[in-house]
PDB file of all heavy atoms in Angstrom:
ATOM      1  N   GLU A   1       1.820 -13.943  -1.105  1.00  0.00           N
ATOM      2  CA  GLU A   1       0.444 -13.441  -1.149  1.00  0.00           C
ATOM      3  C   GLU A   1       0.306 -12.454   0.149  1.00  0.00           C
ATOM      4  O   GLU A   1      -0.374 -11.462   0.081  1.00  0.00           O
ATOM      5  CB  GLU A   1      -0.578 -14.554  -0.971  1.00  0.00           C
ATOM      6  CG  GLU A   1      -1.959 -14.215  -1.053  1.00  0.00           C
ATOM      7  CD  GLU A   1      -2.279 -13.592  -2.445  1.00  0.00           C
ATOM      8  OE1 GLU A   1      -1.767 -13.852  -3.503  1.00  0.00           O
ATOM      9  OE2 GLU A   1      -3.144 -12.556  -2.391  1.00  0.00           O
ATOM     10  N   GLU A   2       0.979 -12.761   1.191  1.00  0.00           N
ATOM     11  CA  GLU A   2       0.892 -12.074   2.413  1.00  0.00           C
ATOM     12  C   GLU A   2       1.522 -10.661   2.112  1.00  0.00           C
ATOM     13  O   GLU A   2       0.993  -9.557   2.488  1.00  0.00           O
ATOM     14  CB  GLU A   2       1.566 -12.688   3.554  1.00  0.00           C
ATOM     15  CG  GLU A   2       1.552 -11.979   4.959  1.00  0.00           C
ATOM     16  CD  GLU A   2       2.226 -12.823   6.016  1.00  0.00           C
ATOM     17  OE1 GLU A   2       1.678 -13.736   6.480  1.00  0.00           O
ATOM     18  OE2 GLU A   2       3.416 -12.382   6.267  1.00  0.00           O
ATOM     19  N   GLU A   3       2.725 -10.624   1.515  1.00  0.00           N
ATOM     20  CA  GLU A   3       3.467  -9.385   1.129  1.00  0.00           C
ATOM     21  C   GLU A   3       2.527  -8.569   0.183  1.00  0.00           C
ATOM     22  O   GLU A   3       2.389  -7.263   0.355  1.00  0.00           O
ATOM     23  CB  GLU A   3       4.711  -9.526   0.577  1.00  0.00           C
ATOM     24  CG  GLU A   3       5.740 -10.054   1.511  1.00  0.00           C
ATOM     25  CD  GLU A   3       7.145 -10.347   0.805  1.00  0.00           C
ATOM     26  OE1 GLU A   3       7.133 -10.480  -0.478  1.00  0.00           O
ATOM     27  OE2 GLU A   3       8.085 -10.552   1.554  1.00  0.00           O
ATOM     28  N   ILE A   4       1.809  -9.192  -0.705  1.00  0.00           N
ATOM     29  CA  ILE A   4       1.120  -8.541  -1.721  1.00  0.00           C
ATOM     30  C   ILE A   4      -0.112  -7.819  -1.012  1.00  0.00           C
ATOM     31  O   ILE A   4      -0.387  -6.656  -1.233  1.00  0.00           O
ATOM     32  CB  ILE A   4       0.627  -9.464  -2.871  1.00  0.00           C
ATOM     33  CG1 ILE A   4       1.947  -9.815  -3.722  1.00  0.00           C
ATOM     34  CG2 ILE A   4      -0.462  -8.745  -3.794  1.00  0.00           C
ATOM     35  CD1 ILE A   4       1.632 -10.954  -4.664  1.00  0.00           C
ATOM     36  N   GLN A   5      -0.804  -8.594  -0.150  1.00  0.00           N
ATOM     37  CA  GLN A   5      -1.950  -8.017   0.497  1.00  0.00           C
ATOM     38  C   GLN A   5      -1.527  -6.916   1.381  1.00  0.00           C
ATOM     39  O   GLN A   5      -2.237  -5.832   1.501  1.00  0.00           O
ATOM     40  CB  GLN A   5      -2.625  -9.178   1.348  1.00  0.00           C
ATOM     41  CG  GLN A   5      -3.396 -10.025   0.518  1.00  0.00           C
ATOM     42  CD  GLN A   5      -4.060 -11.194   1.280  1.00  0.00           C
ATOM     43  OE1 GLN A   5      -3.848 -11.233   2.575  1.00  0.00           O
ATOM     44  NE2 GLN A   5      -4.618 -12.222   0.660  1.00  0.00           N
ATOM     45  N   LYS A   6      -0.406  -6.962   2.140  1.00  0.00           N
ATOM     46  CA  LYS A   6       0.103  -5.905   3.015  1.00  0.00           C
ATOM     47  C   LYS A   6       0.341  -4.704   2.108  1.00  0.00           C
ATOM     48  O   LYS A   6      -0.036  -3.518   2.528  1.00  0.00           O
ATOM     49  CB  LYS A   6       1.342  -6.324   3.778  1.00  0.00           C
ATOM     50  CG  LYS A   6       1.947  -5.331   4.681  1.00  0.00           C
ATOM     51  CD  LYS A   6       3.149  -5.690   5.325  1.00  0.00           C
ATOM     52  CE  LYS A   6       3.880  -4.569   5.990  1.00  0.00           C
ATOM     53  NZ  LYS A   6       5.136  -4.952   6.477  1.00  0.00           N
ATOM     54  N   ASN A   7       1.082  -4.832   0.990  1.00  0.00           N
ATOM     55  CA  ASN A   7       1.412  -3.632   0.202  1.00  0.00           C
ATOM     56  C   ASN A   7       0.278  -3.089  -0.479  1.00  0.00           C
ATOM     57  O   ASN A   7       0.184  -1.847  -0.658  1.00  0.00           O
ATOM     58  CB  ASN A   7       2.460  -4.069  -0.826  1.00  0.00           C
ATOM     59  CG  ASN A   7       3.966  -4.223  -0.128  1.00  0.00           C
ATOM     60  OD1 ASN A   7       4.139  -3.651   0.781  1.00  0.00           O
ATOM     61  ND2 ASN A   7       4.644  -5.069  -0.688  1.00  0.00           N
ATOM     62  N   ASP A   8      -0.714  -3.887  -0.858  1.00  0.00           N
ATOM     63  CA  ASP A   8      -2.012  -3.383  -1.386  1.00  0.00           C
ATOM     64  C   ASP A   8      -2.679  -2.461  -0.519  1.00  0.00           C
ATOM     65  O   ASP A   8      -3.281  -1.455  -0.859  1.00  0.00           O
ATOM     66  CB  ASP A   8      -2.950  -4.506  -1.829  1.00  0.00           C
ATOM     67  CG  ASP A   8      -2.533  -5.240  -3.243  1.00  0.00           C
ATOM     68  OD1 ASP A   8      -1.619  -4.706  -3.852  1.00  0.00           O
ATOM     69  OD2 ASP A   8      -3.211  -6.209  -3.423  1.00  0.00           O
ATOM     70  N   SER A   9      -2.683  -2.856   0.860  1.00  0.00           N
ATOM     71  CA  SER A   9      -3.343  -2.043   1.870  1.00  0.00           C
ATOM     72  C   SER A   9      -2.576  -0.744   2.052  1.00  0.00           C
ATOM     73  O   SER A   9      -3.274   0.330   2.095  1.00  0.00           O
ATOM     74  CB  SER A   9      -3.341  -2.778   3.227  1.00  0.00           C
ATOM     75  OG  SER A   9      -3.882  -2.072   4.201  1.00  0.00           O
ATOM     76  N   ILE A  10      -1.276  -0.832   2.046  1.00  0.00           N
ATOM     77  CA  ILE A  10      -0.492   0.495   2.104  1.00  0.00           C
ATOM     78  C   ILE A  10      -0.742   1.355   1.100  1.00  0.00           C
ATOM     79  O   ILE A  10      -0.996   2.622   1.161  1.00  0.00           O
ATOM     80  CB  ILE A  10       1.060   0.150   2.415  1.00  0.00           C
ATOM     81  CG1 ILE A  10       1.394  -0.530   3.674  1.00  0.00           C
ATOM     82  CG2 ILE A  10       1.832   1.286   2.010  1.00  0.00           C
ATOM     83  CD1 ILE A  10       2.762  -1.203   3.727  1.00  0.00           C
ATOM     84  N   ASP A  11      -0.685   0.800  -0.192  1.00  0.00           N
ATOM     85  CA  ASP A  11      -0.934   1.555  -1.485  1.00  0.00           C
ATOM     86  C   ASP A  11      -2.296   2.144  -1.530  1.00  0.00           C
ATOM     87  O   ASP A  11      -2.427   3.351  -1.934  1.00  0.00           O
ATOM     88  CB  ASP A  11      -0.710   0.717  -2.731  1.00  0.00           C
ATOM     89  CG  ASP A  11       0.664   0.262  -2.960  1.00  0.00           C
ATOM     90  OD1 ASP A  11       1.570   0.869  -2.412  1.00  0.00           O
ATOM     91  OD2 ASP A  11       0.964  -0.628  -3.738  1.00  0.00           O
ATOM     92  N   THR A  12      -3.320   1.535  -1.143  1.00  0.00           N
ATOM     93  CA  THR A  12      -4.701   1.947  -1.191  1.00  0.00           C
ATOM     94  C   THR A  12      -4.794   3.177  -0.105  1.00  0.00           C
ATOM     95  O   THR A  12      -5.263   4.228  -0.405  1.00  0.00           O
ATOM     96  CB  THR A  12      -5.737   0.942  -0.780  1.00  0.00           C
ATOM     97  OG1 THR A  12      -5.557  -0.002  -1.781  1.00  0.00           O
ATOM     98  CG2 THR A  12      -7.139   1.435  -0.802  1.00  0.00           C
ATOM     99  N   LYS A  13      -4.231   2.930   1.148  1.00  0.00           N
ATOM    100  CA  LYS A  13      -4.348   4.015   2.038  1.00  0.00           C
ATOM    101  C   LYS A  13      -3.575   5.275   1.528  1.00  0.00           C
ATOM    102  O   LYS A  13      -4.140   6.488   1.712  1.00  0.00           O
ATOM    103  CB  LYS A  13      -3.751   3.521   3.328  1.00  0.00           C
ATOM    104  CG  LYS A  13      -3.736   4.475   4.513  1.00  0.00           C
ATOM    105  CD  LYS A  13      -3.140   3.874   5.772  1.00  0.00           C
ATOM    106  CE  LYS A  13      -3.162   4.776   6.855  1.00  0.00           C
ATOM    107  NZ  LYS A  13      -2.129   5.709   7.044  1.00  0.00           N
ATOM    108  N   GLU A  14      -2.362   5.162   0.997  1.00  0.00           N
ATOM    109  CA  GLU A  14      -1.584   6.247   0.633  1.00  0.00           C
ATOM    110  C   GLU A  14      -2.221   6.863  -0.658  1.00  0.00           C
ATOM    111  O   GLU A  14      -2.112   8.143  -0.784  1.00  0.00           O
ATOM    112  CB  GLU A  14      -0.209   5.882   0.236  1.00  0.00           C
ATOM    113  CG  GLU A  14       0.521   5.503   1.631  1.00  0.00           C
ATOM    114  CD  GLU A  14       1.925   5.028   1.358  1.00  0.00           C
ATOM    115  OE1 GLU A  14       2.314   4.557   0.171  1.00  0.00           O
ATOM    116  OE2 GLU A  14       2.672   4.930   2.394  1.00  0.00           O
ATOM    117  N   ALA A  15      -2.816   6.198  -1.504  1.00  0.00           N
ATOM    118  CA  ALA A  15      -3.450   6.760  -2.635  1.00  0.00           C
ATOM    119  C   ALA A  15      -4.632   7.767  -2.263  1.00  0.00           C
ATOM    120  O   ALA A  15      -4.863   8.717  -3.017  1.00  0.00           O
ATOM    121  CB  ALA A  15      -3.880   5.647  -3.676  1.00  0.00           C
ATOM    122  N   ASN A  16      -5.300   7.303  -1.259  1.00  0.00           N
ATOM    123  CA  ASN A  16      -6.396   8.059  -0.761  1.00  0.00           C
ATOM    124  C   ASN A  16      -6.013   9.364   0.107  1.00  0.00           C
ATOM    125  O   ASN A  16      -6.613  10.360   0.115  1.00  0.00           O
ATOM    126  CB  ASN A  16      -7.347   7.241   0.112  1.00  0.00           C
ATOM    127  CG  ASN A  16      -8.094   6.378  -0.795  1.00  0.00           C
ATOM    128  OD1 ASN A  16      -8.587   6.603  -1.816  1.00  0.00           O
ATOM    129  ND2 ASN A  16      -8.316   5.131  -0.246  1.00  0.00           N
ATOM    130  N   GLU A  17      -4.658   9.262   0.670  1.00  0.00           N
ATOM    131  CA  GLU A  17      -4.249  10.303   1.565  1.00  0.00           C
ATOM    132  C   GLU A  17      -3.281  11.358   0.924  1.00  0.00           C
ATOM    133  O   GLU A  17      -3.281  12.508   1.344  1.00  0.00           O
ATOM    134  CB  GLU A  17      -3.540   9.723   2.776  1.00  0.00           C
ATOM    135  CG  GLU A  17      -4.578   8.984   3.695  1.00  0.00           C
ATOM    136  CD  GLU A  17      -3.888   8.253   4.875  1.00  0.00           C
ATOM    137  OE1 GLU A  17      -2.631   8.249   5.043  1.00  0.00           O
ATOM    138  OE2 GLU A  17      -4.611   7.717   5.778  1.00  0.00           O
ATOM    139  N   ILE A  18      -2.430  10.777   0.053  1.00  0.00           N
ATOM    140  CA  ILE A  18      -1.383  11.759  -0.555  1.00  0.00           C
ATOM    141  C   ILE A  18      -1.914  12.544  -1.648  1.00  0.00           C
ATOM    142  O   ILE A  18      -2.409  11.962  -2.587  1.00  0.00           O
ATOM    143  CB  ILE A  18      -0.138  10.861  -1.023  1.00  0.00           C
ATOM    144  CG1 ILE A  18       0.454  10.091   0.159  1.00  0.00           C
ATOM    145  CG2 ILE A  18       0.810  11.764  -1.740  1.00  0.00           C
ATOM    146  CD1 ILE A  18       1.553   9.068  -0.290  1.00  0.00           C
ATOM    147  N   GLU A  19      -1.891  13.798  -1.567  1.00  0.00           N
ATOM    148  CA  GLU A  19      -2.369  14.694  -2.644  1.00  0.00           C
ATOM    149  C   GLU A  19      -1.175  14.909  -3.641  1.00  0.00           C
ATOM    150  O   GLU A  19      -1.504  15.080  -4.876  1.00  0.00           O
ATOM    151  CB  GLU A  19      -2.881  15.940  -2.119  1.00  0.00           C
ATOM    152  CG  GLU A  19      -4.219  15.884  -1.251  1.00  0.00           C
ATOM    153  CD  GLU A  19      -4.750  17.120  -0.885  1.00  0.00           C
ATOM    154  OE1 GLU A  19      -4.535  18.201  -1.605  1.00  0.00           O
ATOM    155  OE2 GLU A  19      -5.304  17.182   0.265  1.00  0.00           O
ATOM    156  N   ASN A  20      -0.071  15.242  -3.149  1.00  0.00           N
ATOM    157  CA  ASN A  20       1.061  15.511  -3.965  1.00  0.00           C
ATOM    158  C   ASN A  20       2.355  14.841  -3.491  1.00  0.00           C
ATOM    159  O   ASN A  20       2.576  14.860  -2.317  1.00  0.00           O
ATOM    160  CB  ASN A  20       1.238  17.114  -4.139  1.00  0.00           C
ATOM    161  CG  ASN A  20       0.183  17.697  -4.867  1.00  0.00           C
ATOM    162  OD1 ASN A  20      -0.066  17.266  -5.959  1.00  0.00           O
ATOM    163  ND2 ASN A  20      -0.360  18.658  -4.192  1.00  0.00           N
ATOM    164  N   TYR A  21       3.184  14.321  -4.369  1.00  0.00           N
ATOM    165  CA  TYR A  21       4.490  14.030  -4.043  1.00  0.00           C
ATOM    166  C   TYR A  21       5.447  15.089  -4.479  1.00  0.00           C
ATOM    167  O   TYR A  21       5.463  15.283  -5.800  1.00  0.00           O
ATOM    168  CB  TYR A  21       4.839  12.652  -4.504  1.00  0.00           C
ATOM    169  CG  TYR A  21       6.292  12.205  -4.307  1.00  0.00           C
ATOM    170  CD1 TYR A  21       6.941  12.401  -3.187  1.00  0.00           C
ATOM    171  CD2 TYR A  21       7.112  11.608  -5.362  1.00  0.00           C
ATOM    172  CE1 TYR A  21       8.251  12.044  -2.934  1.00  0.00           C
ATOM    173  CE2 TYR A  21       8.319  11.181  -5.090  1.00  0.00           C
ATOM    174  CZ  TYR A  21       8.948  11.398  -3.890  1.00  0.00           C
ATOM    175  OH  TYR A  21      10.311  11.066  -3.715  1.00  0.00           O
ATOM    176  N   ALA A  22       6.348  15.695  -3.691  1.00  0.00           N
ATOM    177  CA  ALA A  22       7.057  16.849  -4.182  1.00  0.00           C
ATOM    178  C   ALA A  22       8.393  16.833  -3.488  1.00  0.00           C
ATOM    179  O   ALA A  22       8.577  16.378  -2.325  1.00  0.00           O
ATOM    180  CB  ALA A  22       6.450  18.165  -3.953  1.00  0.00           C
ATOM    181  N   PHE A  23       9.432  17.400  -4.171  1.00  0.00           N
ATOM    182  CA  PHE A  23      10.742  17.531  -3.650  1.00  0.00           C
ATOM    183  C   PHE A  23      11.486  18.720  -4.417  1.00  0.00           C
ATOM    184  O   PHE A  23      11.148  18.920  -5.438  1.00  0.00           O
ATOM    185  CB  PHE A  23      11.585  16.343  -3.693  1.00  0.00           C
ATOM    186  CG  PHE A  23      11.597  15.553  -4.915  1.00  0.00           C
ATOM    187  CD1 PHE A  23      12.446  16.013  -6.022  1.00  0.00           C
ATOM    188  CD2 PHE A  23      10.702  14.510  -5.192  1.00  0.00           C
ATOM    189  CE1 PHE A  23      12.422  15.262  -7.215  1.00  0.00           C
ATOM    190  CE2 PHE A  23      10.611  13.917  -6.327  1.00  0.00           C
ATOM    191  CZ  PHE A  23      11.616  14.229  -7.476  1.00  0.00           C
ATOM    192  N   ASP A  24      12.498  19.261  -3.832  1.00  0.00           N
ATOM    193  CA  ASP A  24      13.279  20.220  -4.504  1.00  0.00           C
ATOM    194  C   ASP A  24      14.565  19.464  -4.966  1.00  0.00           C
ATOM    195  O   ASP A  24      15.092  18.640  -4.377  1.00  0.00           O
ATOM    196  CB  ASP A  24      13.719  21.290  -3.557  1.00  0.00           C
ATOM    197  CG  ASP A  24      12.561  22.133  -3.016  1.00  0.00           C
ATOM    198  OD1 ASP A  24      11.616  22.361  -3.811  1.00  0.00           O
ATOM    199  OD2 ASP A  24      12.665  22.584  -1.945  1.00  0.00           O
ATOM    200  N   ILE A  25      15.085  20.011  -6.192  1.00  0.00           N
ATOM    201  CA  ILE A  25      16.309  19.380  -6.842  1.00  0.00           C
ATOM    202  C   ILE A  25      17.406  20.447  -6.651  1.00  0.00           C
ATOM    203  O   ILE A  25      17.086  21.587  -7.183  1.00  0.00           O
ATOM    204  CB  ILE A  25      15.981  18.993  -8.222  1.00  0.00           C
ATOM    205  CG1 ILE A  25      14.975  17.891  -8.407  1.00  0.00           C
ATOM    206  CG2 ILE A  25      17.411  18.459  -8.865  1.00  0.00           C
ATOM    207  CD1 ILE A  25      14.564  17.578  -9.734  1.00  0.00           C
ATOM    208  N   ILE A  26      18.419  20.197  -6.016  1.00  0.00           N
ATOM    209  CA  ILE A  26      19.525  21.134  -5.876  1.00  0.00           C
ATOM    210  C   ILE A  26      20.696  20.547  -6.611  1.00  0.00           C
ATOM    211  O   ILE A  26      21.097  19.275  -6.361  1.00  0.00           O
ATOM    212  CB  ILE A  26      19.889  21.288  -4.257  1.00  0.00           C
ATOM    213  CG1 ILE A  26      18.606  21.618  -3.423  1.00  0.00           C
ATOM    214  CG2 ILE A  26      20.945  22.385  -4.168  1.00  0.00           C
ATOM    215  CD1 ILE A  26      17.884  22.984  -3.975  1.00  0.00           C
ATOM    216  N   ILE A  27      21.301  21.274  -7.372  1.00  0.00           N
ATOM    217  CA  ILE A  27      22.478  20.841  -8.050  1.00  0.00           C
ATOM    218  C   ILE A  27      23.718  21.636  -7.663  1.00  0.00           C
ATOM    219  O   ILE A  27      23.617  22.950  -7.746  1.00  0.00           O
ATOM    220  CB  ILE A  27      22.343  20.804  -9.675  1.00  0.00           C
ATOM    221  CG1 ILE A  27      21.289  20.066 -10.085  1.00  0.00           C
ATOM    222  CG2 ILE A  27      23.800  20.455 -10.348  1.00  0.00           C
ATOM    223  CD1 ILE A  27      20.841  20.118 -11.514  1.00  0.00           C
ATOM    224  N   ASN A  28      24.632  21.077  -7.011  1.00  0.00           N
ATOM    225  CA  ASN A  28      25.923  21.869  -6.604  1.00  0.00           C
ATOM    226  C   ASN A  28      27.098  21.521  -7.532  1.00  0.00           C
ATOM    227  O   ASN A  28      27.375  20.364  -7.761  1.00  0.00           O
ATOM    228  CB  ASN A  28      26.155  21.302  -5.125  1.00  0.00           C
ATOM    229  CG  ASN A  28      25.279  21.721  -4.115  1.00  0.00           C
ATOM    230  OD1 ASN A  28      24.838  22.842  -4.031  1.00  0.00           O
ATOM    231  ND2 ASN A  28      24.774  20.723  -3.334  1.00  0.00           N
ATOM    232  N   GLY A  29      27.767  22.513  -7.979  1.00  0.00           N
ATOM    233  CA  GLY A  29      29.011  22.472  -8.738  1.00  0.00           C
ATOM    234  C   GLY A  29      30.185  23.087  -8.101  1.00  0.00           C
ATOM    235  O   GLY A  29      29.980  24.131  -7.452  1.00  0.00           O
ATOM    236  N   THR A  30      31.298  22.443  -8.165  1.00  0.00           N
ATOM    237  CA  THR A  30      32.468  22.977  -7.564  1.00  0.00           C
ATOM    238  C   THR A  30      33.610  22.795  -8.676  1.00  0.00           C
ATOM    239  O   THR A  30      33.749  21.932  -9.391  1.00  0.00           O
ATOM    240  CB  THR A  30      33.051  21.990  -6.443  1.00  0.00           C
ATOM    241  OG1 THR A  30      31.930  21.997  -5.381  1.00  0.00           O
ATOM    242  CG2 THR A  30      34.142  22.714  -5.705  1.00  0.00           C
ATOM    243  N   GLN A  31      34.276  23.901  -8.748  1.00  0.00           N
ATOM    244  CA  GLN A  31      35.548  24.009  -9.719  1.00  0.00           C
ATOM    245  C   GLN A  31      36.540  22.866  -9.406  1.00  0.00           C
ATOM    246  O   GLN A  31      36.817  22.722  -8.229  1.00  0.00           O
ATOM    247  CB  GLN A  31      36.094  25.322  -9.653  1.00  0.00           C
ATOM    248  CG  GLN A  31      37.260  25.454 -10.624  1.00  0.00           C
ATOM    249  CD  GLN A  31      37.982  26.865 -10.572  1.00  0.00           C
ATOM    250  OE1 GLN A  31      37.367  27.902 -10.181  1.00  0.00           O
ATOM    251  NE2 GLN A  31      39.122  26.960 -11.010  1.00  0.00           N
ATOM    252  N   ILE A  32      36.960  22.273 -10.396  1.00  0.00           N
ATOM    253  CA  ILE A  32      38.066  21.200 -10.237  1.00  0.00           C
ATOM    254  C   ILE A  32      39.325  21.732 -10.916  1.00  0.00           C
ATOM    255  O   ILE A  32      39.289  22.442 -11.853  1.00  0.00           O
ATOM    256  CB  ILE A  32      37.596  19.836 -10.686  1.00  0.00           C
ATOM    257  CG1 ILE A  32      37.145  19.776 -12.183  1.00  0.00           C
ATOM    258  CG2 ILE A  32      36.521  19.238  -9.864  1.00  0.00           C
ATOM    259  CD1 ILE A  32      36.767  18.478 -12.793  1.00  0.00           C
TER     260      ILE A  32
END
């Protein structure tokens, strides 16, 4: 119950603050 309450608090805060989650995907290829 303690972990759930702590994570609920984190989730609520982040849901209100984070507008976008973004990252770039880079694919590297090397001849074998």
